[in-house]
Amino acid sequence: MGLVGDFETVFDMDGWVFVNLSFPAMGNRYITSRLFEYVEYNGVPDYVYLQYSGLNRIDLPFDINFKVPNYVFQSNFCEKYPWIPKSKKHNWVASGARAGIWTSNDLLNKIFTYMYDLDDETCTHDVSLHEIFRGIEFCKKMNISYNWSTYYDYTKNIHRAVEKDGLTAKMPDYIDMTNHVGESPLNVGFETGNMPDGGRHYGEKVSRLYLKRNKNKFNL
């Protein structure tokens, strides 16, 4: 989600230095792990916003020098997104979803196919939710000012795209909701009649509306 420019505009944050570690198709393991890595190499930031992803997305930390042939969704070997800081520890590779383009990649088809239970569409959900817990508790332990949300509300089926990305009846009790923004940008898009292309890829208009509606909830 390209929120950096939107944060600067909505919150008037001239002079701040933003680092956007998000990467297309990645899931919650990547998001939390890049936070840990950033703090390890750069120290504790002034603020963190965690925008978590789909429950059905699996991320794998391959060796930093290993490149998956003919696959776009790998963090350190993707020419399409040169502005995203590369990991110093891993080449992160994303499944993107249960039936992502990994299914047509010979190598990844041999790996990811054994990580999805064909009879249980919720088989990856617990691990994804654990990553949210990990990210929140890390911020609390390191005394980092933070907020978080998920790009869609996991508990509401608003479109077939979010159904594919994974739904749950309720958020687990072990996840601290205190610094949750209160809503999700994709749901804001649907609620306001700004349905994104493909059901999940919302744009600048929705992003800024989401921030403006919840401006007083961000711990900046």
C-alpha atoms as a PDB file:
ATOM      1  CA  MET A   1       0.000   0.000   0.000  1.00  0.00           C
ATOM      2  CA  GLY A   2       1.568   3.297  -1.072  1.00  0.00           C
ATOM      3  CA  LEU A   3       0.759   5.321   2.048  1.00  0.00           C
ATOM      4  CA  VAL A   4       3.980   7.331   2.354  1.00  0.00           C
ATOM      5  CA  GLY A   5       2.880  10.286   0.230  1.00  0.00           C
ATOM      6  CA  ASP A   6      -0.610  10.054   1.691  1.00  0.00           C
ATOM      7  CA  PHE A   7       0.718  10.286   5.262  1.00  0.00           C
ATOM      8  CA  GLU A   8       2.761  13.352   4.316  1.00  0.00           C
ATOM      9  CA  THR A   9      -0.280  15.021   2.754  1.00  0.00           C
ATOM     10  CA  VAL A  10      -2.915  14.191   5.362  1.00  0.00           C
ATOM     11  CA  PHE A  11      -0.757  14.715   8.455  1.00  0.00           C
ATOM     12  CA  ASP A  12       1.452  17.563   7.137  1.00  0.00           C
ATOM     13  CA  MET A  13       4.664  15.740   8.029  1.00  0.00           C
ATOM     14  CA  ASP A  14       7.297  17.723   6.160  1.00  0.00           C
ATOM     15  CA  GLY A  15      10.751  16.881   7.431  1.00  0.00           C
ATOM     16  CA  TRP A  16       9.930  13.325   8.403  1.00  0.00           C
ATOM     17  CA  VAL A  17      11.900  10.503   6.812  1.00  0.00           C
ATOM     18  CA  PHE A  18       9.638   7.654   5.715  1.00  0.00           C
ATOM     19  CA  VAL A  19      10.717   4.089   4.971  1.00  0.00           C
ATOM     20  CA  ASN A  20       8.161   1.963   3.149  1.00  0.00           C
ATOM     21  CA  LEU A  21       8.976  -1.748   3.386  1.00  0.00           C
ATOM     22  CA  SER A  22       5.735  -3.026   1.860  1.00  0.00           C
ATOM     23  CA  PHE A  23       5.950  -5.303  -1.166  1.00  0.00           C
ATOM     24  CA  PRO A  24       3.210  -6.568  -3.517  1.00  0.00           C
ATOM     25  CA  ALA A  25       1.651  -9.983  -2.766  1.00  0.00           C
ATOM     26  CA  MET A  26       3.479 -10.417   0.548  1.00  0.00           C
ATOM     27  CA  GLY A  27       1.726 -11.669   3.636  1.00  0.00           C
ATOM     28  CA  ASN A  28       1.951 -11.074   7.353  1.00  0.00           C
ATOM     29  CA  ARG A  29       5.146 -13.013   8.007  1.00  0.00           C
ATOM     30  CA  TYR A  30       7.043 -10.738   5.647  1.00  0.00           C
ATOM     31  CA  ILE A  31       5.550  -7.604   7.211  1.00  0.00           C
ATOM     32  CA  THR A  32       6.487  -8.458  10.780  1.00  0.00           C
ATOM     33  CA  SER A  33       9.881  -9.884   9.843  1.00  0.00           C
ATOM     34  CA  ARG A  34      10.877  -6.737   7.934  1.00  0.00           C
ATOM     35  CA  LEU A  35      10.019  -4.718  11.044  1.00  0.00           C
ATOM     36  CA  PHE A  36      12.348  -6.871  13.146  1.00  0.00           C
ATOM     37  CA  GLU A  37      15.059  -6.543  10.511  1.00  0.00           C
ATOM     38  CA  TYR A  38      14.689  -2.780  10.247  1.00  0.00           C
ATOM     39  CA  VAL A  39      15.148  -2.316  14.005  1.00  0.00           C
ATOM     40  CA  GLU A  40      18.107  -4.710  14.010  1.00  0.00           C
ATOM     41  CA  TYR A  41      20.009  -2.681  11.405  1.00  0.00           C
ATOM     42  CA  ASN A  42      18.693   0.841  11.939  1.00  0.00           C
ATOM     43  CA  GLY A  43      17.544   1.109  15.520  1.00  0.00           C
ATOM     44  CA  VAL A  44      14.121   1.944  16.922  1.00  0.00           C
ATOM     45  CA  PRO A  45      12.050   4.270  14.701  1.00  0.00           C
ATOM     46  CA  ASP A  46       9.852   7.077  15.997  1.00  0.00           C
ATOM     47  CA  TYR A  47       6.698   5.485  14.647  1.00  0.00           C
ATOM     48  CA  VAL A  48       5.526   2.321  12.886  1.00  0.00           C
ATOM     49  CA  TYR A  49       2.359   1.710  10.925  1.00  0.00           C
ATOM     50  CA  LEU A  50       1.667  -1.962  10.247  1.00  0.00           C
ATOM     51  CA  GLN A  51      -0.736  -2.597   7.368  1.00  0.00           C
ATOM     52  CA  TYR A  52      -1.296  -6.356   7.519  1.00  0.00           C
ATOM     53  CA  SER A  53      -2.264  -8.443   4.519  1.00  0.00           C
ATOM     54  CA  GLY A  54      -4.286 -11.503   3.528  1.00  0.00           C
ATOM     55  CA  LEU A  55      -4.629 -14.525   5.799  1.00  0.00           C
ATOM     56  CA  ASN A  56      -3.995 -16.958   2.959  1.00  0.00           C
ATOM     57  CA  ARG A  57      -0.647 -15.486   1.917  1.00  0.00           C
ATOM     58  CA  ILE A  58       2.526 -17.419   2.665  1.00  0.00           C
ATOM     59  CA  ASP A  59       5.990 -15.860   2.662  1.00  0.00           C
ATOM     60  CA  LEU A  60       9.261 -17.786   2.627  1.00  0.00           C
ATOM     61  CA  PRO A  61      12.699 -16.381   3.598  1.00  0.00           C
ATOM     62  CA  PHE A  62      15.028 -17.844   0.984  1.00  0.00           C
ATOM     63  CA  ASP A  63      18.785 -17.311   1.070  1.00  0.00           C
ATOM     64  CA  ILE A  64      19.547 -13.687   0.267  1.00  0.00           C
ATOM     65  CA  ASN A  65      21.431 -14.628  -2.918  1.00  0.00           C
ATOM     66  CA  PHE A  66      18.944 -17.194  -4.232  1.00  0.00           C
ATOM     67  CA  LYS A  67      16.731 -16.061  -7.096  1.00  0.00           C
ATOM     68  CA  VAL A  68      13.607 -17.960  -8.089  1.00  0.00           C
ATOM     69  CA  PRO A  69      13.589 -18.145 -11.899  1.00  0.00           C
ATOM     70  CA  ASN A  70      10.795 -16.312 -13.713  1.00  0.00           C
ATOM     71  CA  TYR A  71       8.942 -15.070 -10.642  1.00  0.00           C
ATOM     72  CA  VAL A  72       8.060 -11.459  -9.865  1.00  0.00           C
ATOM     73  CA  PHE A  73       7.031 -11.661  -6.215  1.00  0.00           C
ATOM     74  CA  GLN A  74      10.447 -11.945  -4.580  1.00  0.00           C
ATOM     75  CA  SER A  75      11.723  -9.019  -2.536  1.00  0.00           C
ATOM     76  CA  ASN A  76      15.382  -8.885  -3.547  1.00  0.00           C
ATOM     77  CA  PHE A  77      15.078  -9.732  -7.234  1.00  0.00           C
ATOM     78  CA  CYS A  78      12.247  -7.639  -8.591  1.00  0.00           C
ATOM     79  CA  GLU A  79      13.066  -4.889 -11.062  1.00  0.00           C
ATOM     80  CA  LYS A  80       9.487  -3.537 -11.018  1.00  0.00           C
ATOM     81  CA  TYR A  81       9.845  -1.978  -7.555  1.00  0.00           C
ATOM     82  CA  PRO A  82      13.414  -0.587  -7.294  1.00  0.00           C
ATOM     83  CA  TRP A  83      12.428   1.945  -4.600  1.00  0.00           C
ATOM     84  CA  ILE A  84      11.606  -0.738  -2.013  1.00  0.00           C
ATOM     85  CA  PRO A  85      14.611  -1.313   0.304  1.00  0.00           C
ATOM     86  CA  LYS A  86      15.948  -4.811  -0.171  1.00  0.00           C
ATOM     87  CA  SER A  87      16.287  -7.169   2.747  1.00  0.00           C
ATOM     88  CA  LYS A  88      19.794  -7.586   4.171  1.00  0.00           C
ATOM     89  CA  LYS A  89      18.932 -11.061   5.467  1.00  0.00           C
ATOM     90  CA  HIS A  90      16.621 -12.887   3.056  1.00  0.00           C
ATOM     91  CA  ASN A  91      15.153 -12.990  -0.402  1.00  0.00           C
ATOM     92  CA  TRP A  92      11.503 -13.064   0.623  1.00  0.00           C
ATOM     93  CA  VAL A  93       9.242 -14.941  -1.777  1.00  0.00           C
ATOM     94  CA  ALA A  94       5.453 -14.644  -1.672  1.00  0.00           C
ATOM     95  CA  SER A  95       2.750 -17.076  -2.639  1.00  0.00           C
ATOM     96  CA  GLY A  96       0.311 -14.166  -2.921  1.00  0.00           C
ATOM     97  CA  ALA A  97      -2.676 -16.418  -2.225  1.00  0.00           C
ATOM     98  CA  ARG A  98      -3.863 -20.022  -2.371  1.00  0.00           C
ATOM     99  CA  ALA A  99      -3.992 -19.946  -6.168  1.00  0.00           C
ATOM    100  CA  GLY A 100      -1.413 -17.282  -7.004  1.00  0.00           C
ATOM    101  CA  ILE A 101       0.949 -17.255  -9.977  1.00  0.00           C
ATOM    102  CA  TRP A 102       3.246 -19.548  -7.990  1.00  0.00           C
ATOM    103  CA  THR A 103       1.129 -22.399  -9.371  1.00  0.00           C
ATOM    104  CA  SER A 104       2.726 -21.870 -12.793  1.00  0.00           C
ATOM    105  CA  ASN A 105       6.288 -21.714 -11.456  1.00  0.00           C
ATOM    106  CA  ASP A 106       7.933 -25.126 -11.437  1.00  0.00           C
ATOM    107  CA  LEU A 107      10.035 -24.576  -8.331  1.00  0.00           C
ATOM    108  CA  LEU A 108       7.422 -22.849  -6.193  1.00  0.00           C
ATOM    109  CA  ASN A 109       4.680 -25.238  -7.243  1.00  0.00           C
ATOM    110  CA  LYS A 110       6.717 -28.002  -5.616  1.00  0.00           C
ATOM    111  CA  ILE A 111       6.958 -26.009  -2.390  1.00  0.00           C
ATOM    112  CA  PHE A 112       3.772 -24.023  -1.834  1.00  0.00           C
ATOM    113  CA  THR A 113       1.464 -26.817  -2.958  1.00  0.00           C
ATOM    114  CA  TYR A 114       2.384 -28.746   0.201  1.00  0.00           C
ATOM    115  CA  MET A 115       1.650 -25.746   2.428  1.00  0.00           C
ATOM    116  CA  TYR A 116      -2.014 -25.388   1.483  1.00  0.00           C
ATOM    117  CA  ASP A 117      -4.513 -27.974   2.699  1.00  0.00           C
ATOM    118  CA  LEU A 118      -6.979 -28.529  -0.138  1.00  0.00           C
ATOM    119  CA  ASP A 119      -9.673 -29.526   2.335  1.00  0.00           C
ATOM    120  CA  ASP A 120      -9.162 -26.634   4.752  1.00  0.00           C
ATOM    121  CA  GLU A 121      -9.189 -23.077   3.417  1.00  0.00           C
ATOM    122  CA  THR A 122      -8.271 -21.768   6.858  1.00  0.00           C
ATOM    123  CA  CYS A 123      -5.067 -23.802   7.185  1.00  0.00           C
ATOM    124  CA  THR A 124      -2.786 -20.736   6.999  1.00  0.00           C
ATOM    125  CA  HIS A 125      -4.878 -18.375   9.098  1.00  0.00           C
ATOM    126  CA  ASP A 126      -3.454 -19.175  12.532  1.00  0.00           C
ATOM    127  CA  VAL A 127       0.118 -18.492  11.424  1.00  0.00           C
ATOM    128  CA  SER A 128      -0.886 -15.192   9.794  1.00  0.00           C
ATOM    129  CA  LEU A 129      -2.673 -14.088  12.961  1.00  0.00           C
ATOM    130  CA  HIS A 130       0.353 -15.050  15.053  1.00  0.00           C
ATOM    131  CA  GLU A 131       2.412 -12.633  12.965  1.00  0.00           C
ATOM    132  CA  ILE A 132       0.080  -9.769  13.845  1.00  0.00           C
ATOM    133  CA  PHE A 133       0.511 -10.636  17.510  1.00  0.00           C
ATOM    134  CA  ARG A 134       4.285 -10.750  17.044  1.00  0.00           C
ATOM    135  CA  GLY A 135       4.424  -7.330  15.391  1.00  0.00           C
ATOM    136  CA  ILE A 136       2.234  -5.637  17.991  1.00  0.00           C
ATOM    137  CA  GLU A 137       4.043  -7.128  20.965  1.00  0.00           C
ATOM    138  CA  PHE A 138       7.423  -6.249  19.453  1.00  0.00           C
ATOM    139  CA  CYS A 139       6.393  -2.598  19.143  1.00  0.00           C
ATOM    140  CA  LYS A 140       5.170  -2.610  22.736  1.00  0.00           C
ATOM    141  CA  LYS A 141       8.349  -4.244  24.030  1.00  0.00           C
ATOM    142  CA  MET A 142      10.575  -1.783  22.154  1.00  0.00           C
ATOM    143  CA  ASN A 143       8.417   1.210  23.213  1.00  0.00           C
ATOM    144  CA  ILE A 144       7.673   2.100  19.592  1.00  0.00           C
ATOM    145  CA  SER A 145       4.709   4.353  18.937  1.00  0.00           C
ATOM    146  CA  TYR A 146       2.563   2.376  16.495  1.00  0.00           C
ATOM    147  CA  ASN A 147      -0.761   1.735  14.864  1.00  0.00           C
ATOM    148  CA  TRP A 148      -1.969  -1.173  12.826  1.00  0.00           C
ATOM    149  CA  SER A 149      -4.782  -2.390  10.674  1.00  0.00           C
ATOM    150  CA  THR A 150      -5.453  -5.022   8.034  1.00  0.00           C
ATOM    151  CA  TYR A 151      -6.033  -3.985   4.449  1.00  0.00           C
ATOM    152  CA  TYR A 152      -9.523  -5.524   4.682  1.00  0.00           C
ATOM    153  CA  ASP A 153     -11.616  -6.458   7.696  1.00  0.00           C
ATOM    154  CA  TYR A 154     -10.971 -10.164   8.232  1.00  0.00           C
ATOM    155  CA  THR A 155     -14.417 -10.635   9.759  1.00  0.00           C
ATOM    156  CA  LYS A 156     -16.505  -9.208   6.869  1.00  0.00           C
ATOM    157  CA  ASN A 157     -16.953 -10.790   3.461  1.00  0.00           C
ATOM    158  CA  ILE A 158     -17.338  -7.719   1.258  1.00  0.00           C
ATOM    159  CA  HIS A 159     -16.013  -9.175  -2.006  1.00  0.00           C
ATOM    160  CA  ARG A 160     -14.837 -12.449  -3.525  1.00  0.00           C
ATOM    161  CA  ALA A 161     -11.276 -11.066  -3.450  1.00  0.00           C
ATOM    162  CA  VAL A 162     -11.199 -10.899   0.349  1.00  0.00           C
ATOM    163  CA  GLU A 163     -12.871 -14.292   0.553  1.00  0.00           C
ATOM    164  CA  LYS A 164      -9.909 -15.663  -1.392  1.00  0.00           C
ATOM    165  CA  ASP A 165      -7.466 -13.800   0.843  1.00  0.00           C
ATOM    166  CA  GLY A 166      -9.012 -15.342   3.948  1.00  0.00           C
ATOM    167  CA  LEU A 167     -11.730 -14.610   6.511  1.00  0.00           C
ATOM    168  CA  THR A 168     -12.224 -15.416  10.169  1.00  0.00           C
ATOM    169  CA  ALA A 169     -15.309 -15.292  12.385  1.00  0.00           C
ATOM    170  CA  LYS A 170     -13.570 -13.100  15.001  1.00  0.00           C
ATOM    171  CA  MET A 171     -10.166 -11.742  15.858  1.00  0.00           C
ATOM    172  CA  PRO A 172      -8.328 -13.840  18.465  1.00  0.00           C
ATOM    173  CA  ASP A 173      -8.475 -12.650  22.065  1.00  0.00           C
ATOM    174  CA  TYR A 174      -4.672 -12.681  22.291  1.00  0.00           C
ATOM    175  CA  ILE A 175      -4.326  -9.810  19.791  1.00  0.00           C
ATOM    176  CA  ASP A 176      -4.212  -6.377  21.429  1.00  0.00           C
ATOM    177  CA  MET A 177      -6.682  -4.150  19.542  1.00  0.00           C
ATOM    178  CA  THR A 178      -5.811  -0.969  21.475  1.00  0.00           C
ATOM    179  CA  ASN A 179      -3.856   0.710  18.659  1.00  0.00           C
ATOM    180  CA  HIS A 180      -5.923  -0.669  15.814  1.00  0.00           C
ATOM    181  CA  VAL A 181      -7.019   2.189  13.565  1.00  0.00           C
ATOM    182  CA  GLY A 182     -10.631   1.047  13.842  1.00  0.00           C
ATOM    183  CA  GLU A 183     -11.392   0.196  10.228  1.00  0.00           C
ATOM    184  CA  SER A 184      -9.696  -1.059   7.091  1.00  0.00           C
ATOM    185  CA  PRO A 185      -9.009   0.901   3.900  1.00  0.00           C
ATOM    186  CA  LEU A 186     -10.581  -1.632   1.567  1.00  0.00           C
ATOM    187  CA  ASN A 187     -13.812  -1.559   3.565  1.00  0.00           C
ATOM    188  CA  VAL A 188     -13.749   2.245   3.438  1.00  0.00           C
ATOM    189  CA  GLY A 189     -13.471   2.013  -0.339  1.00  0.00           C
ATOM    190  CA  PHE A 190     -16.500  -0.237  -0.660  1.00  0.00           C
ATOM    191  CA  GLU A 191     -18.513   1.729   1.889  1.00  0.00           C
ATOM    192  CA  THR A 192     -17.950   5.011   0.023  1.00  0.00           C
ATOM    193  CA  GLY A 193     -18.599   3.584  -3.447  1.00  0.00           C
ATOM    194  CA  ASN A 194     -14.941   3.588  -4.484  1.00  0.00           C
ATOM    195  CA  MET A 195     -14.710  -0.097  -5.337  1.00  0.00           C
ATOM    196  CA  PRO A 196     -11.094  -0.868  -6.263  1.00  0.00           C
ATOM    197  CA  ASP A 197     -10.023  -2.723  -9.396  1.00  0.00           C
ATOM    198  CA  GLY A 198     -10.145  -6.450  -8.822  1.00  0.00           C
ATOM    199  CA  GLY A 199     -11.733  -6.015  -5.408  1.00  0.00           C
ATOM    200  CA  ARG A 200      -8.479  -5.344  -3.529  1.00  0.00           C
ATOM    201  CA  HIS A 201      -6.261  -2.811  -5.319  1.00  0.00           C
ATOM    202  CA  TYR A 202      -7.567   0.509  -4.048  1.00  0.00           C
ATOM    203  CA  GLY A 203      -5.874   3.767  -4.990  1.00  0.00           C
ATOM    204  CA  GLU A 204      -4.819   7.136  -3.635  1.00  0.00           C
ATOM    205  CA  LYS A 205      -8.368   8.424  -3.185  1.00  0.00           C
ATOM    206  CA  VAL A 206      -9.352   5.592  -0.845  1.00  0.00           C
ATOM    207  CA  SER A 207      -6.008   5.676   0.947  1.00  0.00           C
ATOM    208  CA  ARG A 208      -6.295   9.376   1.796  1.00  0.00           C
ATOM    209  CA  LEU A 209      -9.953   9.101   2.719  1.00  0.00           C
ATOM    210  CA  TYR A 210      -9.085   6.266   5.097  1.00  0.00           C
ATOM    211  CA  LEU A 211      -6.393   8.381   6.779  1.00  0.00           C
ATOM    212  CA  LYS A 212      -8.592  11.473   7.015  1.00  0.00           C
ATOM    213  CA  ARG A 213     -11.499   9.543   8.529  1.00  0.00           C
ATOM    214  CA  ASN A 214      -9.228   8.115  11.217  1.00  0.00           C
ATOM    215  CA  LYS A 215      -6.735  10.940  11.639  1.00  0.00           C
ATOM    216  CA  ASN A 216      -7.262  11.276  15.381  1.00  0.00           C
ATOM    217  CA  LYS A 217      -6.525   7.573  15.962  1.00  0.00           C
ATOM    218  CA  PHE A 218      -2.915   7.637  14.726  1.00  0.00           C
ATOM    219  CA  ASN A 219      -0.305   7.948  17.480  1.00  0.00           C
ATOM    220  CA  LEU A 220       1.874  10.415  15.588  1.00  0.00           C
END
